[in-house]
Amino acid sequence: MKHFEDVWVEAERISSELYNEEDDANNSAYVIEENARQLQYQVEEAPNVEIMTELVGELLFRLTRVCKEFNINSWTALEKATNDAKIDLYDED
């Protein structure tokens, strides 16, 4: 089984090859937004784990494209978001 980081790096490479410069981060951002809406519908109205898994997979795949395009370190971004959430969580006390 591959480690998550290896899958992420492979997805960055494939998404960069699959989506050319004309199909840039703006299109990926649109797809991310649309999939997020569909995922929200699944969560609220018609939970289907198989469909939700596909949507989350596509979201993550498109995020690899955005991260690669703009040289965003996904680990650093996730760590920051997690730390910010911890602050919010502990500030509620």
N, C-alpha and C. Protein backbone atom coordinates (compact mmCIF):
# COMPACT_ATOMS: atom_id res chain seq x y z
N MET A 1 0.85 -1.18 0.00
CA MET A 1 0.00 0.00 0.00
C MET A 1 0.89 1.24 0.00
N LYS A 2 0.54 2.20 -0.83
CA LYS A 2 1.30 3.44 -0.91
C LYS A 2 0.98 4.35 0.27
N HIS A 3 1.97 5.13 0.66
CA HIS A 3 1.74 6.15 1.68
C HIS A 3 0.98 7.31 1.04
N PHE A 4 0.23 8.04 1.86
CA PHE A 4 -0.58 9.16 1.36
C PHE A 4 0.28 10.16 0.60
N GLU A 5 1.46 10.47 1.14
CA GLU A 5 2.34 11.45 0.48
C GLU A 5 2.74 10.99 -0.92
N ASP A 6 3.00 9.70 -1.09
CA ASP A 6 3.37 9.17 -2.41
C ASP A 6 2.20 9.30 -3.38
N VAL A 7 1.01 9.02 -2.90
CA VAL A 7 -0.19 9.15 -3.75
C VAL A 7 -0.39 10.62 -4.12
N TRP A 8 -0.17 11.52 -3.17
CA TRP A 8 -0.34 12.96 -3.42
C TRP A 8 0.64 13.43 -4.50
N VAL A 9 1.91 13.04 -4.37
CA VAL A 9 2.93 13.45 -5.34
C VAL A 9 2.60 12.89 -6.72
N GLU A 10 2.15 11.65 -6.78
CA GLU A 10 1.76 11.06 -8.06
C GLU A 10 0.56 11.82 -8.65
N ALA A 11 -0.40 12.17 -7.81
CA ALA A 11 -1.57 12.93 -8.28
C ALA A 11 -1.16 14.30 -8.79
N GLU A 12 -0.21 14.96 -8.12
CA GLU A 12 0.30 16.26 -8.60
C GLU A 12 0.89 16.11 -10.00
N ARG A 13 1.67 15.07 -10.19
CA ARG A 13 2.31 14.85 -11.50
C ARG A 13 1.26 14.58 -12.57
N ILE A 14 0.33 13.70 -12.27
CA ILE A 14 -0.69 13.34 -13.25
C ILE A 14 -1.61 14.52 -13.55
N SER A 15 -2.03 15.25 -12.52
CA SER A 15 -2.92 16.39 -12.75
C SER A 15 -2.23 17.47 -13.57
N SER A 16 -0.92 17.64 -13.36
CA SER A 16 -0.17 18.63 -14.14
C SER A 16 -0.10 18.22 -15.61
N GLU A 17 0.01 16.92 -15.86
CA GLU A 17 0.05 16.44 -17.24
C GLU A 17 -1.34 16.46 -17.87
N LEU A 18 -2.34 16.11 -17.08
CA LEU A 18 -3.71 16.00 -17.58
C LEU A 18 -4.32 17.36 -17.90
N TYR A 19 -4.11 18.32 -17.04
CA TYR A 19 -4.69 19.64 -17.22
C TYR A 19 -3.61 20.59 -17.70
N ASN A 20 -3.77 21.07 -18.93
CA ASN A 20 -2.77 21.98 -19.47
C ASN A 20 -2.98 23.38 -18.93
N GLU A 21 -2.19 24.31 -19.40
CA GLU A 21 -2.25 25.67 -18.87
C GLU A 21 -3.59 26.34 -19.12
N GLU A 22 -4.26 25.97 -20.23
CA GLU A 22 -5.57 26.56 -20.51
C GLU A 22 -6.61 26.08 -19.50
N ASP A 23 -6.43 24.86 -19.03
CA ASP A 23 -7.33 24.31 -18.01
C ASP A 23 -6.67 24.53 -16.66
N ASP A 24 -6.53 25.78 -16.31
CA ASP A 24 -5.69 26.18 -15.18
C ASP A 24 -6.39 26.04 -13.84
N ALA A 25 -5.81 26.65 -12.86
CA ALA A 25 -6.32 26.57 -11.49
C ALA A 25 -7.72 27.14 -11.36
N ASN A 26 -8.10 28.09 -12.21
CA ASN A 26 -9.47 28.63 -12.14
C ASN A 26 -10.50 27.54 -12.39
N ASN A 27 -10.24 26.71 -13.39
CA ASN A 27 -11.16 25.61 -13.68
C ASN A 27 -11.15 24.60 -12.54
N SER A 28 -9.97 24.32 -12.01
CA SER A 28 -9.89 23.40 -10.87
C SER A 28 -10.66 23.96 -9.68
N ALA A 29 -10.55 25.26 -9.46
CA ALA A 29 -11.28 25.89 -8.35
C ALA A 29 -12.79 25.75 -8.57
N TYR A 30 -13.24 25.89 -9.81
CA TYR A 30 -14.66 25.72 -10.11
C TYR A 30 -15.11 24.29 -9.80
N VAL A 31 -14.31 23.31 -10.24
CA VAL A 31 -14.65 21.91 -10.01
C VAL A 31 -14.66 21.61 -8.51
N ILE A 32 -13.70 22.17 -7.78
CA ILE A 32 -13.66 21.99 -6.33
C ILE A 32 -14.94 22.52 -5.70
N GLU A 33 -15.34 23.72 -6.12
CA GLU A 33 -16.56 24.33 -5.57
C GLU A 33 -17.79 23.49 -5.90
N GLU A 34 -17.88 23.03 -7.12
CA GLU A 34 -19.04 22.22 -7.54
C GLU A 34 -19.08 20.89 -6.78
N ASN A 35 -17.94 20.24 -6.65
CA ASN A 35 -17.90 18.98 -5.91
C ASN A 35 -18.21 19.18 -4.44
N ALA A 36 -17.78 20.30 -3.89
CA ALA A 36 -18.10 20.61 -2.48
C ALA A 36 -19.61 20.77 -2.31
N ARG A 37 -20.27 21.40 -3.29
CA ARG A 37 -21.73 21.53 -3.23
C ARG A 37 -22.41 20.15 -3.29
N GLN A 38 -21.92 19.32 -4.19
CA GLN A 38 -22.49 17.97 -4.31
C GLN A 38 -22.25 17.16 -3.03
N LEU A 39 -21.08 17.33 -2.44
CA LEU A 39 -20.78 16.63 -1.20
C LEU A 39 -21.70 17.11 -0.08
N GLN A 40 -21.93 18.42 -0.03
CA GLN A 40 -22.84 18.97 0.97
C GLN A 40 -24.23 18.37 0.80
N TYR A 41 -24.69 18.26 -0.43
CA TYR A 41 -25.99 17.64 -0.69
C TYR A 41 -26.01 16.21 -0.18
N GLN A 42 -24.94 15.47 -0.48
CA GLN A 42 -24.87 14.08 -0.03
C GLN A 42 -24.95 13.98 1.49
N VAL A 43 -24.24 14.84 2.17
CA VAL A 43 -24.22 14.82 3.63
C VAL A 43 -25.60 15.15 4.19
N GLU A 44 -26.24 16.17 3.62
CA GLU A 44 -27.50 16.67 4.17
C GLU A 44 -28.73 15.89 3.72
N GLU A 45 -28.73 15.44 2.47
CA GLU A 45 -29.96 14.92 1.90
C GLU A 45 -29.95 13.42 1.59
N ALA A 46 -28.87 12.94 1.03
CA ALA A 46 -28.88 11.56 0.54
C ALA A 46 -27.52 10.92 0.72
N PRO A 47 -27.13 10.66 1.96
CA PRO A 47 -25.80 10.11 2.19
C PRO A 47 -25.56 8.80 1.43
N ASN A 48 -24.54 8.80 0.62
CA ASN A 48 -24.13 7.62 -0.13
C ASN A 48 -22.61 7.60 -0.08
N VAL A 49 -22.07 6.68 0.69
CA VAL A 49 -20.63 6.67 0.95
C VAL A 49 -19.83 6.49 -0.34
N GLU A 50 -20.33 5.70 -1.27
CA GLU A 50 -19.61 5.49 -2.52
C GLU A 50 -19.50 6.80 -3.31
N ILE A 51 -20.60 7.51 -3.43
CA ILE A 51 -20.59 8.80 -4.14
C ILE A 51 -19.73 9.81 -3.39
N MET A 52 -19.87 9.84 -2.08
CA MET A 52 -19.08 10.78 -1.27
C MET A 52 -17.59 10.49 -1.41
N THR A 53 -17.21 9.22 -1.48
CA THR A 53 -15.81 8.85 -1.65
C THR A 53 -15.29 9.36 -2.99
N GLU A 54 -16.08 9.21 -4.04
CA GLU A 54 -15.69 9.72 -5.36
C GLU A 54 -15.53 11.24 -5.33
N LEU A 55 -16.46 11.93 -4.70
CA LEU A 55 -16.40 13.39 -4.62
C LEU A 55 -15.17 13.86 -3.85
N VAL A 56 -14.90 13.23 -2.72
CA VAL A 56 -13.73 13.61 -1.92
C VAL A 56 -12.45 13.31 -2.72
N GLY A 57 -12.43 12.19 -3.42
CA GLY A 57 -11.27 11.86 -4.25
C GLY A 57 -11.02 12.91 -5.32
N GLU A 58 -12.09 13.33 -6.00
CA GLU A 58 -11.95 14.37 -7.03
C GLU A 58 -11.53 15.70 -6.42
N LEU A 59 -12.07 16.02 -5.25
CA LEU A 59 -11.66 17.25 -4.56
C LEU A 59 -10.16 17.22 -4.26
N LEU A 60 -9.71 16.12 -3.70
CA LEU A 60 -8.28 16.00 -3.37
C LEU A 60 -7.42 16.05 -4.63
N PHE A 61 -7.88 15.37 -5.70
CA PHE A 61 -7.12 15.38 -6.95
C PHE A 61 -6.99 16.79 -7.51
N ARG A 62 -8.08 17.53 -7.51
CA ARG A 62 -8.03 18.91 -8.01
C ARG A 62 -7.18 19.79 -7.10
N LEU A 63 -7.22 19.53 -5.80
CA LEU A 63 -6.36 20.29 -4.89
C LEU A 63 -4.89 20.06 -5.20
N THR A 64 -4.55 18.85 -5.64
CA THR A 64 -3.14 18.61 -6.01
C THR A 64 -2.74 19.50 -7.16
N ARG A 65 -3.66 19.73 -8.08
CA ARG A 65 -3.38 20.61 -9.23
C ARG A 65 -3.13 22.04 -8.76
N VAL A 66 -3.97 22.54 -7.89
CA VAL A 66 -3.83 23.90 -7.37
C VAL A 66 -2.52 24.02 -6.58
N CYS A 67 -2.24 23.04 -5.75
CA CYS A 67 -1.00 23.08 -4.95
C CYS A 67 0.22 23.08 -5.85
N LYS A 68 0.20 22.25 -6.88
CA LYS A 68 1.34 22.18 -7.81
C LYS A 68 1.47 23.49 -8.59
N GLU A 69 0.36 24.00 -9.09
CA GLU A 69 0.35 25.22 -9.90
C GLU A 69 0.94 26.41 -9.14
N PHE A 70 0.59 26.54 -7.87
CA PHE A 70 1.00 27.71 -7.10
C PHE A 70 2.08 27.40 -6.06
N ASN A 71 2.67 26.20 -6.18
CA ASN A 71 3.75 25.79 -5.28
C ASN A 71 3.34 25.91 -3.81
N ILE A 72 2.16 25.40 -3.51
CA ILE A 72 1.64 25.40 -2.14
C ILE A 72 2.06 24.10 -1.46
N ASN A 73 2.67 24.20 -0.32
CA ASN A 73 3.05 23.02 0.44
C ASN A 73 1.80 22.54 1.19
N SER A 74 1.23 21.45 0.72
CA SER A 74 -0.03 20.97 1.29
C SER A 74 0.12 20.55 2.75
N TRP A 75 1.26 20.00 3.11
CA TRP A 75 1.49 19.61 4.50
C TRP A 75 1.48 20.84 5.39
N THR A 76 2.19 21.88 4.99
CA THR A 76 2.24 23.12 5.76
C THR A 76 0.85 23.75 5.85
N ALA A 77 0.11 23.74 4.74
CA ALA A 77 -1.23 24.31 4.73
C ALA A 77 -2.16 23.56 5.69
N LEU A 78 -2.08 22.23 5.67
CA LEU A 78 -2.93 21.44 6.56
C LEU A 78 -2.51 21.61 8.02
N GLU A 79 -1.22 21.68 8.26
CA GLU A 79 -0.74 21.89 9.62
C GLU A 79 -1.24 23.23 10.17
N LYS A 80 -1.17 24.27 9.33
CA LYS A 80 -1.63 25.60 9.77
C LYS A 80 -3.13 25.58 10.06
N ALA A 81 -3.89 24.97 9.17
CA ALA A 81 -5.35 24.90 9.39
C ALA A 81 -5.67 24.12 10.66
N THR A 82 -4.93 23.05 10.90
CA THR A 82 -5.14 22.26 12.12
C THR A 82 -4.80 23.07 13.36
N ASN A 83 -3.68 23.78 13.31
CA ASN A 83 -3.29 24.61 14.46
C ASN A 83 -4.30 25.73 14.70
N ASP A 84 -4.79 26.33 13.62
CA ASP A 84 -5.82 27.37 13.76
C ASP A 84 -7.09 26.79 14.39
N ALA A 85 -7.45 25.58 13.97
CA ALA A 85 -8.64 24.93 14.53
C ALA A 85 -8.45 24.63 16.01
N LYS A 86 -7.24 24.23 16.38
CA LYS A 86 -6.94 23.98 17.80
C LYS A 86 -7.13 25.26 18.62
N ILE A 87 -6.65 26.37 18.08
CA ILE A 87 -6.80 27.65 18.77
C ILE A 87 -8.27 27.97 18.94
N ASP A 88 -9.04 27.81 17.86
CA ASP A 88 -10.49 28.06 17.93
C ASP A 88 -11.14 27.13 18.96
N LEU A 89 -10.74 25.89 18.96
CA LEU A 89 -11.32 24.91 19.88
C LEU A 89 -11.03 25.28 21.33
N TYR A 90 -9.79 25.64 21.61
CA TYR A 90 -9.41 25.95 22.98
C TYR A 90 -9.87 27.34 23.42
N ASP A 91 -10.09 28.25 22.46
CA ASP A 91 -10.62 29.57 22.80
C ASP A 91 -12.07 29.51 23.23
N GLU A 92 -12.77 28.46 22.83
CA GLU A 92 -14.18 28.30 23.20
C GLU A 92 -14.34 27.96 24.67
N ASP A 93 -13.29 27.46 25.29
CA ASP A 93 -13.36 27.06 26.71
C ASP A 93 -13.46 28.21 27.65
